[in-house]
């Protein structure tokens, strides 16, 4: 499941995937410039959520 999500993020241009040959194979993932920009937006959204917690009528 994790591999599938990482491959989708790679296909969307949000992460870079670098494979190093050897045994065992080593794979490194890093954020692209677009991924880093999205991360900054997600952090702002989290801060907004903390400032305005949801109200539920139970």
N, C-alpha and C. Protein backbone atom coordinates (compact mmCIF):
# COMPACT_ATOMS: atom_id res chain seq x y z
N UNK A 1 0.83 -1.19 0.00
CA UNK A 1 0.00 0.00 0.00
C UNK A 1 0.88 1.26 0.00
N UNK A 2 1.90 1.27 0.84
CA UNK A 2 2.80 2.43 0.88
C UNK A 2 3.49 2.64 -0.46
N UNK A 3 3.96 1.54 -1.05
CA UNK A 3 4.64 1.64 -2.35
C UNK A 3 3.72 2.23 -3.40
N UNK A 4 2.46 1.81 -3.40
CA UNK A 4 1.49 2.32 -4.37
C UNK A 4 1.30 3.82 -4.18
N UNK A 5 1.18 4.27 -2.95
CA UNK A 5 0.99 5.70 -2.69
C UNK A 5 2.21 6.50 -3.09
N UNK A 6 3.40 5.97 -2.80
CA UNK A 6 4.63 6.67 -3.19
C UNK A 6 4.75 6.75 -4.71
N UNK A 7 4.37 5.69 -5.40
CA UNK A 7 4.42 5.71 -6.87
C UNK A 7 3.45 6.74 -7.44
N UNK A 8 2.27 6.87 -6.82
CA UNK A 8 1.30 7.88 -7.26
C UNK A 8 1.83 9.29 -7.02
N UNK A 9 2.47 9.50 -5.88
CA UNK A 9 3.07 10.81 -5.60
C UNK A 9 4.19 11.11 -6.59
N UNK A 10 4.94 10.08 -6.95
CA UNK A 10 6.00 10.25 -7.96
C UNK A 10 5.39 10.61 -9.32
N UNK A 11 4.33 9.91 -9.70
CA UNK A 11 3.67 10.18 -10.98
C UNK A 11 3.08 11.59 -11.02
N UNK A 12 2.66 12.10 -9.86
CA UNK A 12 2.10 13.45 -9.77
C UNK A 12 3.18 14.52 -9.66
N UNK A 13 4.44 14.10 -9.60
CA UNK A 13 5.54 15.06 -9.54
C UNK A 13 5.78 15.65 -8.17
N UNK A 14 5.31 14.97 -7.12
CA UNK A 14 5.47 15.51 -5.77
C UNK A 14 6.69 14.94 -5.04
N UNK A 15 7.13 13.76 -5.45
CA UNK A 15 8.33 13.17 -4.85
C UNK A 15 9.26 12.66 -5.94
N UNK A 16 10.55 12.64 -5.62
CA UNK A 16 11.56 12.02 -6.47
C UNK A 16 11.87 10.65 -5.89
N UNK A 17 12.12 9.69 -6.76
CA UNK A 17 12.49 8.34 -6.34
C UNK A 17 13.84 8.02 -6.94
N UNK A 18 14.79 7.66 -6.08
CA UNK A 18 16.13 7.31 -6.56
C UNK A 18 16.47 5.91 -6.06
N UNK A 19 16.80 5.03 -7.01
CA UNK A 19 17.12 3.64 -6.69
C UNK A 19 18.62 3.45 -6.76
N UNK A 20 19.19 2.83 -5.73
CA UNK A 20 20.61 2.53 -5.69
C UNK A 20 20.78 1.02 -5.86
N UNK A 21 21.60 0.60 -6.81
CA UNK A 21 21.79 -0.84 -7.02
C UNK A 21 22.52 -1.48 -5.85
N UNK A 22 22.31 -2.72 -5.70
CA UNK A 22 22.97 -3.46 -4.64
C UNK A 22 22.03 -4.50 -4.07
N UNK A 23 22.52 -5.19 -3.07
CA UNK A 23 21.71 -6.20 -2.42
C UNK A 23 21.79 -5.97 -0.92
N UNK A 24 20.74 -5.55 -0.28
CA UNK A 24 19.42 -5.28 -0.85
C UNK A 24 19.39 -3.94 -1.57
N UNK A 25 18.42 -3.79 -2.46
CA UNK A 25 18.25 -2.54 -3.20
C UNK A 25 17.84 -1.44 -2.23
N UNK A 26 18.42 -0.28 -2.41
CA UNK A 26 18.09 0.88 -1.57
C UNK A 26 17.32 1.88 -2.42
N UNK A 27 16.23 2.41 -1.87
CA UNK A 27 15.42 3.41 -2.56
C UNK A 27 15.26 4.61 -1.63
N UNK A 28 15.56 5.79 -2.13
CA UNK A 28 15.37 7.04 -1.38
C UNK A 28 14.29 7.86 -2.06
N UNK A 29 13.45 8.47 -1.24
CA UNK A 29 12.42 9.38 -1.73
C UNK A 29 12.70 10.76 -1.16
N UNK A 30 12.47 11.78 -1.98
CA UNK A 30 12.62 13.16 -1.52
C UNK A 30 11.53 14.01 -2.16
N UNK A 31 11.22 15.11 -1.52
CA UNK A 31 10.20 16.01 -2.06
C UNK A 31 10.75 16.79 -3.25
N UNK A 32 9.91 16.99 -4.24
CA UNK A 32 10.24 17.90 -5.33
C UNK A 32 9.90 19.31 -4.86
N UNK A 33 10.19 20.27 -5.69
CA UNK A 33 9.83 21.66 -5.37
C UNK A 33 8.31 21.78 -5.21
N UNK A 34 7.56 21.11 -6.08
CA UNK A 34 6.09 21.13 -5.98
C UNK A 34 5.62 20.47 -4.70
N UNK A 35 6.26 19.36 -4.32
CA UNK A 35 5.89 18.67 -3.08
C UNK A 35 6.15 19.52 -1.86
N UNK A 36 7.28 20.23 -1.85
CA UNK A 36 7.60 21.11 -0.73
C UNK A 36 6.60 22.26 -0.64
N UNK A 37 6.19 22.79 -1.78
CA UNK A 37 5.21 23.88 -1.78
C UNK A 37 3.86 23.38 -1.26
N UNK A 38 3.49 22.16 -1.62
CA UNK A 38 2.24 21.58 -1.12
C UNK A 38 2.33 21.34 0.39
N UNK A 39 3.49 20.94 0.85
CA UNK A 39 3.70 20.72 2.29
C UNK A 39 3.47 22.02 3.06
N UNK A 40 3.96 23.13 2.55
CA UNK A 40 3.76 24.42 3.21
C UNK A 40 2.27 24.76 3.28
N UNK A 41 1.53 24.46 2.22
CA UNK A 41 0.09 24.71 2.23
C UNK A 41 -0.64 23.83 3.22
N UNK A 42 -0.21 22.58 3.34
CA UNK A 42 -0.84 21.66 4.29
C UNK A 42 -0.60 22.11 5.73
N UNK A 43 0.58 22.63 6.00
CA UNK A 43 0.88 23.14 7.35
C UNK A 43 -0.03 24.31 7.69
N UNK A 44 -0.26 25.19 6.74
CA UNK A 44 -1.16 26.33 6.98
C UNK A 44 -2.58 25.84 7.23
N UNK A 45 -3.02 24.84 6.52
CA UNK A 45 -4.35 24.28 6.71
C UNK A 45 -4.47 23.64 8.09
N UNK A 46 -3.43 22.97 8.54
CA UNK A 46 -3.44 22.38 9.90
C UNK A 46 -3.54 23.46 10.97
N UNK A 47 -2.80 24.55 10.79
CA UNK A 47 -2.89 25.65 11.76
C UNK A 47 -4.30 26.23 11.80
N UNK A 48 -4.93 26.36 10.63
CA UNK A 48 -6.30 26.87 10.56
C UNK A 48 -7.23 25.91 11.32
N UNK A 49 -7.05 24.61 11.13
CA UNK A 49 -7.87 23.63 11.82
C UNK A 49 -7.72 23.67 13.33
N UNK A 50 -6.53 23.96 13.79
CA UNK A 50 -6.30 24.10 15.23
C UNK A 50 -6.94 25.37 15.77
N UNK A 51 -6.96 26.40 14.98
CA UNK A 51 -7.53 27.68 15.40
C UNK A 51 -9.06 27.61 15.43
N UNK A 52 -9.65 26.86 14.51
CA UNK A 52 -11.10 26.75 14.42
C UNK A 52 -11.51 25.28 14.49
N UNK A 53 -11.48 24.70 15.70
CA UNK A 53 -11.83 23.28 15.82
C UNK A 53 -13.29 23.05 15.39
N UNK A 54 -13.53 21.87 14.87
CA UNK A 54 -14.90 21.56 14.41
C UNK A 54 -15.85 21.48 15.59
N UNK A 55 -17.05 21.86 15.32
CA UNK A 55 -18.10 21.80 16.35
C UNK A 55 -19.13 20.78 15.86
N UNK A 56 -19.38 19.80 16.69
CA UNK A 56 -20.36 18.80 16.35
C UNK A 56 -21.46 18.80 17.38
N UNK A 57 -22.68 18.72 16.90
CA UNK A 57 -23.82 18.62 17.81
C UNK A 57 -24.12 17.15 18.02
N UNK A 58 -23.87 16.69 19.23
CA UNK A 58 -24.08 15.26 19.52
C UNK A 58 -25.40 15.03 20.21
